[in-house]
C-alpha atoms as a PDB file:
ATOM      1  CA  MET A   1       9.113 -75.395   1.267  1.00  0.00           C
ATOM      2  CA  GLU A   2       9.542 -74.312  -2.361  1.00  0.00           C
ATOM      3  CA  MET A   3       7.008 -71.525  -1.807  1.00  0.00           C
ATOM      4  CA  LEU A   4       8.979 -70.336   1.234  1.00  0.00           C
ATOM      5  CA  LEU A   5      12.195 -70.219  -0.771  1.00  0.00           C
ATOM      6  CA  LEU A   6      10.441 -68.383  -3.577  1.00  0.00           C
ATOM      7  CA  GLN A   7       9.147 -65.797  -1.127  1.00  0.00           C
ATOM      8  CA  GLN A   8      12.571 -65.445   0.448  1.00  0.00           C
ATOM      9  CA  SER A   9      14.189 -64.747  -2.918  1.00  0.00           C
ATOM     10  CA  TRP A  10      11.998 -61.639  -3.162  1.00  0.00           C
ATOM     11  CA  LEU A  11      12.858 -60.259   0.283  1.00  0.00           C
ATOM     12  CA  PHE A  12      15.274 -57.777  -1.287  1.00  0.00           C
ATOM     13  CA  PHE A  13      12.403 -55.738  -2.695  1.00  0.00           C
ATOM     14  CA  PRO A  14      10.495 -55.036   0.560  1.00  0.00           C
ATOM     15  CA  PHE A  15      13.820 -54.354   2.287  1.00  0.00           C
ATOM     16  CA  PHE A  16      14.751 -51.901  -0.477  1.00  0.00           C
ATOM     17  CA  ILE A  17      11.397 -50.103  -0.170  1.00  0.00           C
ATOM     18  CA  PHE A  18      11.971 -49.979   3.599  1.00  0.00           C
ATOM     19  CA  PHE A  19      15.350 -48.246   3.303  1.00  0.00           C
ATOM     20  CA  LEU A  20      14.239 -45.973   0.477  1.00  0.00           C
ATOM     21  CA  SER A  21      11.230 -44.856   2.539  1.00  0.00           C
ATOM     22  CA  ILE A  22      13.441 -44.071   5.550  1.00  0.00           C
ATOM     23  CA  TYR A  23      15.821 -42.104   3.326  1.00  0.00           C
ATOM     24  CA  LEU A  24      12.990 -40.046   1.819  1.00  0.00           C
ATOM     25  CA  ILE A  25      11.456 -39.414   5.252  1.00  0.00           C
ATOM     26  CA  GLY A  26      14.830 -38.186   6.471  1.00  0.00           C
ATOM     27  CA  TYR A  27      15.416 -36.009   3.424  1.00  0.00           C
ATOM     28  CA  PHE A  28      11.971 -34.421   3.106  1.00  0.00           C
ATOM     29  CA  ILE A  29      10.781 -34.386   6.726  1.00  0.00           C
ATOM     30  CA  VAL A  30      13.369 -34.987   9.462  1.00  0.00           C
ATOM     31  CA  PHE A  31      16.193 -32.921   7.910  1.00  0.00           C
ATOM     32  CA  ARG A  32      14.125 -30.630   5.678  1.00  0.00           C
ATOM     33  CA  ASN A  33      15.600 -27.470   7.255  1.00  0.00           C
ATOM     34  CA  LYS A  34      19.194 -28.451   6.434  1.00  0.00           C
ATOM     35  CA  ASN A  35      20.934 -27.424   3.236  1.00  0.00           C
ATOM     36  CA  PRO A  36      20.700 -30.013   0.401  1.00  0.00           C
ATOM     37  CA  LYS A  37      24.167 -31.487   0.924  1.00  0.00           C
ATOM     38  CA  ILE A  38      23.700 -31.932   4.675  1.00  0.00           C
ATOM     39  CA  ARG A  39      20.177 -33.271   4.138  1.00  0.00           C
ATOM     40  CA  SER A  40      21.440 -36.041   1.887  1.00  0.00           C
ATOM     41  CA  GLU A  41      24.371 -36.920   4.164  1.00  0.00           C
ATOM     42  CA  PHE A  42      22.146 -37.008   7.244  1.00  0.00           C
ATOM     43  CA  SER A  43      19.597 -39.143   5.383  1.00  0.00           C
ATOM     44  CA  SER A  44      22.391 -41.553   4.493  1.00  0.00           C
ATOM     45  CA  CYS A  45      23.365 -41.735   8.187  1.00  0.00           C
ATOM     46  CA  LEU A  46      19.715 -42.350   9.053  1.00  0.00           C
ATOM     47  CA  ILE A  47      19.391 -45.445   6.855  1.00  0.00           C
ATOM     48  CA  SER A  48      22.770 -46.591   8.140  1.00  0.00           C
ATOM     49  CA  LEU A  49      21.353 -46.456  11.669  1.00  0.00           C
ATOM     50  CA  PHE A  50      18.421 -48.617  10.588  1.00  0.00           C
ATOM     51  CA  HIS A  51      20.771 -51.073   8.886  1.00  0.00           C
ATOM     52  CA  GLY A  52      23.805 -51.354  11.135  1.00  0.00           C
ATOM     53  CA  THR A  53      22.560 -52.456  14.546  1.00  0.00           C
ATOM     54  CA  PRO A  54      19.756 -54.745  13.235  1.00  0.00           C
ATOM     55  CA  ALA A  55      22.228 -56.322  10.790  1.00  0.00           C
ATOM     56  CA  ALA A  56      24.746 -56.881  13.612  1.00  0.00           C
ATOM     57  CA  ILE A  57      22.121 -58.394  15.942  1.00  0.00           C
ATOM     58  CA  PHE A  58      20.405 -60.594  13.372  1.00  0.00           C
ATOM     59  CA  GLY A  59      23.751 -61.486  11.829  1.00  0.00           C
ATOM     60  CA  ALA A  60      25.009 -62.749  15.198  1.00  0.00           C
ATOM     61  CA  ILE A  61      21.804 -64.731  15.693  1.00  0.00           C
ATOM     62  CA  ALA A  62      22.116 -66.187  12.191  1.00  0.00           C
ATOM     63  CA  ILE A  63      25.677 -67.315  12.936  1.00  0.00           C
ATOM     64  CA  PHE A  64      25.076 -68.929  16.317  1.00  0.00           C
ATOM     65  CA  SER A  65      21.758 -70.525  15.346  1.00  0.00           C
ATOM     66  CA  ASP A  66      23.574 -72.566  12.686  1.00  0.00           C
ATOM     67  CA  THR A  67      24.929 -75.736  14.306  1.00  0.00           C
ATOM     68  CA  ASN A  68      27.067 -76.437  11.225  1.00  0.00           C
ATOM     69  CA  TYR A  69      28.595 -72.982  10.936  1.00  0.00           C
ATOM     70  CA  GLY A  70      32.013 -72.657   9.339  1.00  0.00           C
ATOM     71  CA  PHE A  71      33.845 -71.020   6.449  1.00  0.00           C
ATOM     72  CA  ALA A  72      32.605 -73.670   3.984  1.00  0.00           C
ATOM     73  CA  ALA A  73      29.122 -74.245   5.428  1.00  0.00           C
ATOM     74  CA  ALA A  74      26.032 -73.900   3.252  1.00  0.00           C
ATOM     75  CA  ASN A  75      24.099 -70.657   3.654  1.00  0.00           C
ATOM     76  CA  THR A  76      21.096 -70.987   5.941  1.00  0.00           C
ATOM     77  CA  SER A  77      17.740 -69.311   5.270  1.00  0.00           C
ATOM     78  CA  PHE A  78      18.309 -66.874   8.110  1.00  0.00           C
ATOM     79  CA  GLN A  79      21.763 -65.953   6.806  1.00  0.00           C
ATOM     80  CA  LYS A  80      20.298 -65.350   3.343  1.00  0.00           C
ATOM     81  CA  THR A  81      17.720 -63.011   4.861  1.00  0.00           C
ATOM     82  CA  VAL A  82      20.468 -61.018   6.605  1.00  0.00           C
ATOM     83  CA  LEU A  83      22.380 -60.798   3.318  1.00  0.00           C
ATOM     84  CA  ASP A  84      19.248 -59.605   1.471  1.00  0.00           C
ATOM     85  CA  TYR A  85      18.750 -56.952   4.153  1.00  0.00           C
ATOM     86  CA  SER A  86      22.299 -55.682   3.638  1.00  0.00           C
ATOM     87  CA  ILE A  87      22.052 -55.815  -0.165  1.00  0.00           C
ATOM     88  CA  ALA A  88      18.967 -53.593   0.004  1.00  0.00           C
ATOM     89  CA  TYR A  89      20.771 -51.106   2.250  1.00  0.00           C
ATOM     90  CA  PHE A  90      23.890 -50.870   0.092  1.00  0.00           C
ATOM     91  CA  VAL A  91      21.821 -50.474  -3.091  1.00  0.00           C
ATOM     92  CA  THR A  92      19.892 -47.607  -1.465  1.00  0.00           C
ATOM     93  CA  ASP A  93      23.067 -45.901  -0.227  1.00  0.00           C
ATOM     94  CA  LEU A  94      24.716 -46.468  -3.605  1.00  0.00           C
ATOM     95  CA  LEU A  95      21.841 -44.591  -5.273  1.00  0.00           C
ATOM     96  CA  HIS A  96      22.386 -41.802  -2.734  1.00  0.00           C
ATOM     97  CA  TYR A  97      26.008 -41.386  -3.829  1.00  0.00           C
ATOM     98  CA  ILE A  98      25.271 -41.710  -7.545  1.00  0.00           C
ATOM     99  CA  ILE A  99      22.610 -38.984  -7.328  1.00  0.00           C
ATOM    100  CA  PHE A 100      24.219 -36.526  -4.908  1.00  0.00           C
ATOM    101  CA  PHE A 101      27.949 -37.298  -5.141  1.00  0.00           C
ATOM    102  CA  PRO A 102      28.579 -38.779  -8.610  1.00  0.00           C
ATOM    103  CA  SER A 103      32.178 -37.541  -8.586  1.00  0.00           C
ATOM    104  CA  ASP A 104      33.003 -39.618  -5.511  1.00  0.00           C
ATOM    105  CA  VAL A 105      34.138 -42.511  -7.679  1.00  0.00           C
ATOM    106  CA  LEU A 106      36.126 -44.302  -4.989  1.00  0.00           C
ATOM    107  CA  PHE A 107      33.239 -44.421  -2.532  1.00  0.00           C
ATOM    108  CA  ILE A 108      30.877 -45.636  -5.265  1.00  0.00           C
ATOM    109  CA  ALA A 109      33.454 -48.283  -6.169  1.00  0.00           C
ATOM    110  CA  HIS A 110      33.605 -49.351  -2.515  1.00  0.00           C
ATOM    111  CA  HIS A 111      29.833 -49.857  -2.408  1.00  0.00           C
ATOM    112  CA  LEU A 112      29.924 -51.807  -5.670  1.00  0.00           C
ATOM    113  CA  ALA A 113      32.729 -53.999  -4.323  1.00  0.00           C
ATOM    114  CA  THR A 114      30.821 -54.627  -1.087  1.00  0.00           C
ATOM    115  CA  LEU A 115      27.704 -55.515  -3.063  1.00  0.00           C
ATOM    116  CA  PHE A 116      29.793 -57.886  -5.170  1.00  0.00           C
ATOM    117  CA  VAL A 117      30.901 -59.766  -2.038  1.00  0.00           C
ATOM    118  CA  ILE A 118      27.400 -60.060  -0.590  1.00  0.00           C
ATOM    119  CA  VAL A 119      25.626 -60.862  -3.871  1.00  0.00           C
ATOM    120  CA  THR A 120      28.100 -63.554  -4.922  1.00  0.00           C
ATOM    121  CA  CYS A 121      27.823 -65.174  -1.498  1.00  0.00           C
ATOM    122  CA  ARG A 122      24.028 -64.962  -1.563  1.00  0.00           C
ATOM    123  CA  HIS A 123      23.238 -65.877  -5.155  1.00  0.00           C
ATOM    124  CA  VAL A 124      26.314 -67.411  -6.825  1.00  0.00           C
ATOM    125  CA  VAL A 125      27.973 -69.925  -4.486  1.00  0.00           C
ATOM    126  CA  SER A 126      25.327 -70.373  -1.731  1.00  0.00           C
ATOM    127  CA  HIS A 127      28.185 -71.099   0.681  1.00  0.00           C
ATOM    128  CA  GLY A 128      30.431 -68.931   2.820  1.00  0.00           C
ATOM    129  CA  ALA A 129      27.722 -66.798   4.426  1.00  0.00           C
ATOM    130  CA  PHE A 130      29.399 -67.485   7.775  1.00  0.00           C
ATOM    131  CA  SER A 131      32.463 -65.550   6.574  1.00  0.00           C
ATOM    132  CA  VAL A 132      30.517 -62.658   5.075  1.00  0.00           C
ATOM    133  CA  VAL A 133      28.018 -62.342   7.928  1.00  0.00           C
ATOM    134  CA  VAL A 134      30.767 -62.330  10.569  1.00  0.00           C
ATOM    135  CA  LEU A 135      32.524 -59.560   8.630  1.00  0.00           C
ATOM    136  CA  LEU A 136      29.196 -57.746   8.415  1.00  0.00           C
ATOM    137  CA  VAL A 137      28.685 -58.027  12.175  1.00  0.00           C
ATOM    138  CA  LEU A 138      32.203 -56.718  12.838  1.00  0.00           C
ATOM    139  CA  ALA A 139      31.584 -53.832  10.453  1.00  0.00           C
ATOM    140  CA  GLU A 140      28.225 -52.866  11.910  1.00  0.00           C
ATOM    141  CA  VAL A 141      28.647 -53.554  15.634  1.00  0.00           C
ATOM    142  CA  THR A 142      29.784 -49.929  16.082  1.00  0.00           C
ATOM    143  CA  SER A 143      27.177 -48.535  13.661  1.00  0.00           C
ATOM    144  CA  ALA A 144      24.771 -47.004  16.189  1.00  0.00           C
ATOM    145  CA  CYS A 145      27.573 -45.267  18.057  1.00  0.00           C
ATOM    146  CA  GLN A 146      29.360 -44.250  14.861  1.00  0.00           C
ATOM    147  CA  ASN A 147      26.347 -42.721  13.120  1.00  0.00           C
ATOM    148  CA  THR A 148      25.109 -40.946  16.241  1.00  0.00           C
ATOM    149  CA  TRP A 149      28.649 -39.652  16.790  1.00  0.00           C
ATOM    150  CA  THR A 150      28.816 -38.481  13.150  1.00  0.00           C
ATOM    151  CA  LEU A 151      25.451 -36.698  13.295  1.00  0.00           C
ATOM    152  CA  ALA A 152      26.304 -35.076  16.638  1.00  0.00           C
ATOM    153  CA  GLY A 153      29.708 -34.036  15.326  1.00  0.00           C
ATOM    154  CA  ALA A 154      28.146 -32.313  12.327  1.00  0.00           C
ATOM    155  CA  CYS A 155      25.824 -30.288  14.592  1.00  0.00           C
ATOM    156  CA  ARG A 156      28.077 -29.712  17.607  1.00  0.00           C
ATOM    157  CA  LYS A 157      29.095 -26.149  16.676  1.00  0.00           C
ATOM    158  CA  GLU A 158      25.549 -24.804  16.704  1.00  0.00           C
ATOM    159  CA  ASP A 159      23.948 -27.192  19.197  1.00  0.00           C
ATOM    160  CA  ARG A 160      25.201 -27.614  22.778  1.00  0.00           C
ATOM    161  CA  PHE A 161      23.395 -30.891  23.302  1.00  0.00           C
ATOM    162  CA  ALA A 162      24.936 -32.324  20.115  1.00  0.00           C
ATOM    163  CA  ALA A 163      28.352 -31.204  21.355  1.00  0.00           C
ATOM    164  CA  ARG A 164      27.837 -32.995  24.681  1.00  0.00           C
ATOM    165  CA  VAL A 165      26.692 -36.151  22.889  1.00  0.00           C
ATOM    166  CA  TYR A 166      29.718 -35.978  20.584  1.00  0.00           C
ATOM    167  CA  ASP A 167      32.126 -35.544  23.502  1.00  0.00           C
ATOM    168  CA  ALA A 168      30.485 -38.346  25.507  1.00  0.00           C
ATOM    169  CA  LEU A 169      30.566 -40.819  22.615  1.00  0.00           C
ATOM    170  CA  SER A 170      34.083 -40.063  21.404  1.00  0.00           C
ATOM    171  CA  PRO A 171      36.083 -42.101  23.980  1.00  0.00           C
ATOM    172  CA  PRO A 172      34.042 -45.337  23.751  1.00  0.00           C
ATOM    173  CA  PHE A 173      33.732 -44.995  19.989  1.00  0.00           C
ATOM    174  CA  TYR A 174      37.475 -44.668  19.416  1.00  0.00           C
ATOM    175  CA  VAL A 175      38.324 -47.514  21.796  1.00  0.00           C
ATOM    176  CA  VAL A 176      35.732 -50.011  20.532  1.00  0.00           C
ATOM    177  CA  TYR A 177      36.291 -49.044  16.902  1.00  0.00           C
ATOM    178  CA  THR A 178      40.037 -49.563  17.276  1.00  0.00           C
ATOM    179  CA  ILE A 179      39.638 -52.980  18.894  1.00  0.00           C
ATOM    180  CA  VAL A 180      37.037 -54.266  16.408  1.00  0.00           C
ATOM    181  CA  ARG A 181      38.418 -52.784  13.204  1.00  0.00           C
ATOM    182  CA  GLY A 182      42.085 -52.769  14.101  1.00  0.00           C
ATOM    183  CA  PHE A 183      42.497 -56.182  15.701  1.00  0.00           C
ATOM    184  CA  VAL A 184      39.467 -58.500  15.673  1.00  0.00           C
ATOM    185  CA  GLY A 185      38.512 -57.823  12.040  1.00  0.00           C
ATOM    186  CA  PRO A 186      41.983 -58.342  10.520  1.00  0.00           C
ATOM    187  CA  TYR A 187      42.490 -61.485  12.639  1.00  0.00           C
ATOM    188  CA  PHE A 188      39.230 -62.983  11.379  1.00  0.00           C
ATOM    189  CA  VAL A 189      40.127 -62.119   7.772  1.00  0.00           C
ATOM    190  CA  PHE A 190      43.502 -63.816   8.269  1.00  0.00           C
ATOM    191  CA  ARG A 191      41.787 -66.978   9.541  1.00  0.00           C
ATOM    192  CA  MET A 192      39.300 -66.872   6.660  1.00  0.00           C
ATOM    193  CA  VAL A 193      41.964 -66.524   3.978  1.00  0.00           C
ATOM    194  CA  LEU A 194      44.093 -69.224   5.609  1.00  0.00           C
ATOM    195  CA  PHE A 195      41.118 -71.631   5.558  1.00  0.00           C
ATOM    196  CA  TYR A 196      40.183 -70.991   1.941  1.00  0.00           C
ATOM    197  CA  ALA A 197      43.811 -71.063   0.782  1.00  0.00           C
ATOM    198  CA  SER A 198      44.237 -74.494   2.381  1.00  0.00           C
ATOM    199  CA  GLY A 199      41.697 -75.890  -0.076  1.00  0.00           C
ATOM    200  CA  LEU A 200      39.229 -77.055   2.581  1.00  0.00           C
ATOM    201  CA  ALA A 201      36.405 -75.296   0.715  1.00  0.00           C
ATOM    202  CA  HIS A 202      37.375 -76.718  -2.676  1.00  0.00           C
ATOM    203  CA  GLY A 203      34.297 -77.339  -4.807  1.00  0.00           C
ATOM    204  CA  LEU A 204      32.106 -75.202  -2.545  1.00  0.00           C
ATOM    205  CA  VAL A 205      33.599 -71.706  -2.691  1.00  0.00           C
ATOM    206  CA  PRO A 206      35.545 -71.185  -5.963  1.00  0.00           C
ATOM    207  CA  THR A 207      39.017 -69.704  -5.684  1.00  0.00           C
ATOM    208  CA  TRP A 208      38.136 -66.609  -7.698  1.00  0.00           C
ATOM    209  CA  ILE A 209      35.270 -65.910  -5.297  1.00  0.00           C
ATOM    210  CA  TRP A 210      37.161 -66.063  -1.993  1.00  0.00           C
ATOM    211  CA  VAL A 211      40.196 -64.298  -3.475  1.00  0.00           C
ATOM    212  CA  SER A 212      37.966 -61.438  -4.661  1.00  0.00           C
ATOM    213  CA  TRP A 213      36.401 -61.262  -1.188  1.00  0.00           C
ATOM    214  CA  ALA A 214      39.845 -60.955   0.368  1.00  0.00           C
ATOM    215  CA  VAL A 215      40.874 -58.270  -2.133  1.00  0.00           C
ATOM    216  CA  VAL A 216      37.810 -56.177  -1.282  1.00  0.00           C
ATOM    217  CA  VAL A 217      38.474 -56.441   2.457  1.00  0.00           C
ATOM    218  CA  PHE A 218      42.194 -55.716   2.176  1.00  0.00           C
ATOM    219  CA  SER A 219      41.730 -52.786  -0.232  1.00  0.00           C
ATOM    220  CA  ALA A 220      41.034 -50.372   2.637  1.00  0.00           C
ATOM    221  CA  ILE A 221      43.722 -51.847   4.884  1.00  0.00           C
ATOM    222  CA  GLY A 222      46.213 -51.489   2.037  1.00  0.00           C
ATOM    223  CA  GLU A 223      45.656 -47.732   1.816  1.00  0.00           C
ATOM    224  CA  TYR A 224      46.401 -47.296   5.522  1.00  0.00           C
ATOM    225  CA  LEU A 225      49.554 -49.372   5.092  1.00  0.00           C
ATOM    226  CA  ASP A 226      50.565 -47.099   2.215  1.00  0.00           C
ATOM    227  CA  ILE A 227      50.264 -44.035   4.455  1.00  0.00           C
ATOM    228  CA  ALA A 228      52.428 -45.714   7.096  1.00  0.00           C
ATOM    229  CA  LYS A 229      55.047 -46.587   4.491  1.00  0.00           C
ATOM    230  CA  ARG A 230      55.169 -43.099   2.956  1.00  0.00           C
ATOM    231  CA  TYR A 231      55.643 -41.450   6.352  1.00  0.00           C
ATOM    232  CA  ASP A 232      58.119 -44.102   7.549  1.00  0.00           C
ATOM    233  CA  LEU A 233      55.854 -45.353  10.329  1.00  0.00           C
ATOM    234  CA  HIS A 234      54.955 -48.848  11.463  1.00  0.00           C
ATOM    235  CA  PRO A 235      51.208 -49.521  10.897  1.00  0.00           C
ATOM    236  CA  VAL A 236      50.772 -50.299  14.610  1.00  0.00           C
ATOM    237  CA  SER A 237      52.414 -47.025  15.603  1.00  0.00           C
ATOM    238  CA  LEU A 238      50.288 -45.118  13.100  1.00  0.00           C
ATOM    239  CA  ALA A 239      47.032 -46.664  14.377  1.00  0.00           C
ATOM    240  CA  ILE A 240      47.775 -46.098  18.070  1.00  0.00           C
ATOM    241  CA  ALA A 241      49.132 -42.580  17.510  1.00  0.00           C
ATOM    242  CA  PHE A 242      45.957 -41.667  15.618  1.00  0.00           C
ATOM    243  CA  VAL A 243      43.742 -42.828  18.492  1.00  0.00           C
ATOM    244  CA  LEU A 244      45.895 -41.218  21.189  1.00  0.00           C
ATOM    245  CA  ARG A 245      45.797 -37.816  19.470  1.00  0.00           C
ATOM    246  CA  HIS A 246      42.103 -37.443  20.282  1.00  0.00           C
ATOM    247  CA  PRO A 247      41.825 -35.105  23.302  1.00  0.00           C
ATOM    248  CA  LEU A 248      39.173 -37.243  25.011  1.00  0.00           C
ATOM    249  CA  VAL A 249      41.064 -40.542  24.789  1.00  0.00           C
ATOM    250  CA  ALA A 250      43.180 -41.210  27.868  1.00  0.00           C
ATOM    251  CA  SER A 251      44.558 -44.642  26.934  1.00  0.00           C
ATOM    252  CA  VAL A 252      44.472 -47.372  24.312  1.00  0.00           C
ATOM    253  CA  VAL A 253      44.056 -51.102  24.916  1.00  0.00           C
ATOM    254  CA  PHE A 254      46.755 -53.139  23.160  1.00  0.00           C
ATOM    255  CA  GLY A 255      48.343 -56.565  23.245  1.00  0.00           C
ATOM    256  CA  ALA A 256      52.019 -57.465  22.848  1.00  0.00           C
ATOM    257  CA  THR A 257      53.649 -60.883  22.944  1.00  0.00           C
ATOM    258  CA  LYS A 258      57.051 -59.848  21.577  1.00  0.00           C
ATOM    259  CA  SER A 259      59.464 -57.079  22.544  1.00  0.00           C
ATOM    260  CA  TRP A 260      59.369 -55.427  19.109  1.00  0.00           C
ATOM    261  CA  GLN A 261      55.564 -55.175  19.343  1.00  0.00           C
ATOM    262  CA  LEU A 262      55.833 -53.404  22.684  1.00  0.00           C
ATOM    263  CA  GLN A 263      58.468 -51.113  21.212  1.00  0.00           C
ATOM    264  CA  GLU A 264      56.132 -50.059  18.403  1.00  0.00           C
ATOM    265  CA  VAL A 265      53.448 -49.241  20.970  1.00  0.00           C
ATOM    266  CA  LEU A 266      55.939 -47.153  22.961  1.00  0.00           C
ATOM    267  CA  ASN A 267      57.057 -45.409  19.767  1.00  0.00           C
ATOM    268  CA  ALA A 268      53.455 -44.479  19.032  1.00  0.00           C
ATOM    269  CA  CYS A 269      53.298 -42.516  22.286  1.00  0.00           C
ATOM    270  CA  LYS A 270      56.059 -40.232  20.989  1.00  0.00           C
ATOM    271  CA  ILE A 271      54.615 -39.664  17.524  1.00  0.00           C
ATOM    272  CA  LYS A 272      52.877 -36.384  16.740  1.00  0.00           C
ATOM    273  CA  LEU A 273      50.861 -36.885  13.589  1.00  0.00           C
ATOM    274  CA  THR A 274      50.811 -33.913  11.237  1.00  0.00           C
ATOM    275  CA  SER A 275      47.582 -32.444   9.902  1.00  0.00           C
ATOM    276  CA  GLU A 276      48.479 -33.870   6.480  1.00  0.00           C
ATOM    277  CA  VAL A 277      48.651 -37.443   7.821  1.00  0.00           C
ATOM    278  CA  VAL A 278      45.376 -37.063   9.721  1.00  0.00           C
ATOM    279  CA  GLU A 279      43.676 -35.626   6.645  1.00  0.00           C
ATOM    280  CA  GLU A 280      44.810 -38.584   4.535  1.00  0.00           C
ATOM    281  CA  ILE A 281      43.526 -41.048   7.155  1.00  0.00           C
ATOM    282  CA  ASN A 282      40.159 -39.278   7.319  1.00  0.00           C
ATOM    283  CA  LYS A 283      39.846 -39.349   3.526  1.00  0.00           C
ATOM    284  CA  ILE A 284      40.373 -43.115   3.475  1.00  0.00           C
ATOM    285  CA  HIS A 285      37.833 -43.586   6.260  1.00  0.00           C
ATOM    286  CA  SER A 286      35.277 -41.502   4.345  1.00  0.00           C
ATOM    287  CA  ARG A 287      35.637 -43.881   1.406  1.00  0.00           C
ATOM    288  CA  PHE A 288      35.828 -47.078   3.450  1.00  0.00           C
ATOM    289  CA  PRO A 289      33.704 -46.570   6.584  1.00  0.00           C
ATOM    290  CA  ASN A 290      33.041 -50.317   6.771  1.00  0.00           C
ATOM    291  CA  PRO A 291      36.197 -52.109   5.631  1.00  0.00           C
ATOM    292  CA  CYS A 292      34.901 -55.463   6.928  1.00  0.00           C
ATOM    293  CA  PRO A 293      33.713 -55.921   4.244  1.00  0.00           C
END
């Protein structure tokens, strides 16, 4: 058993070599005919493809295979493996930004913050993997669609097939992304914070740990709220108006239990977002593509 744990503690290194190899293959072989900036960005998308969907699938398995799962449950071996897999990915992508985009301080800070959450859960407290892995699954469940959509979007002007792929993926991507990131993710974070704040994990997950996790998750949400405030919009109206502005989206799924909530949805249908607002939203998304965590 001790030997197994010792071997598991070194899983980061083979995972890191795995992602680094994929990145180099993408940069020097798959995308060798692209200009250097595009080559690096496409290579980053490539390793994201190899991380996102496997992390979401194995993360879900790790959650449901634990009969004692919960916000304060001890990390299982499988959950630790999933965390090591994600640590290796974020370290590789962090190196990508440090080497090719060193001036992108905010995005580098986001990766460091995400690594802080995963590493502290994995190596400092040994509890709370349920919380982090669920957030990881929510963040990566749209990864395959998102990265394929991004790659196709970058090539759609010179490639008809890429344009068709981009157009075909846009409606489902916007709808699923909105539901997962706009509703399910924030609701889970609310439940997580409520649990930890109640003191039910006292002695297992230190206050400074779970508070820092919440700060990292809410940092991206806070920027979107700031945009809504500066343009005198309700966050719900801003989110729905942004999705509805896409020419391929015919409708948006929403839920309302109170009249004022329905009113905000109706208001969103009348809002025409300016290019300045859209640009600000896109800039935040470029820095925080995976706000959970």
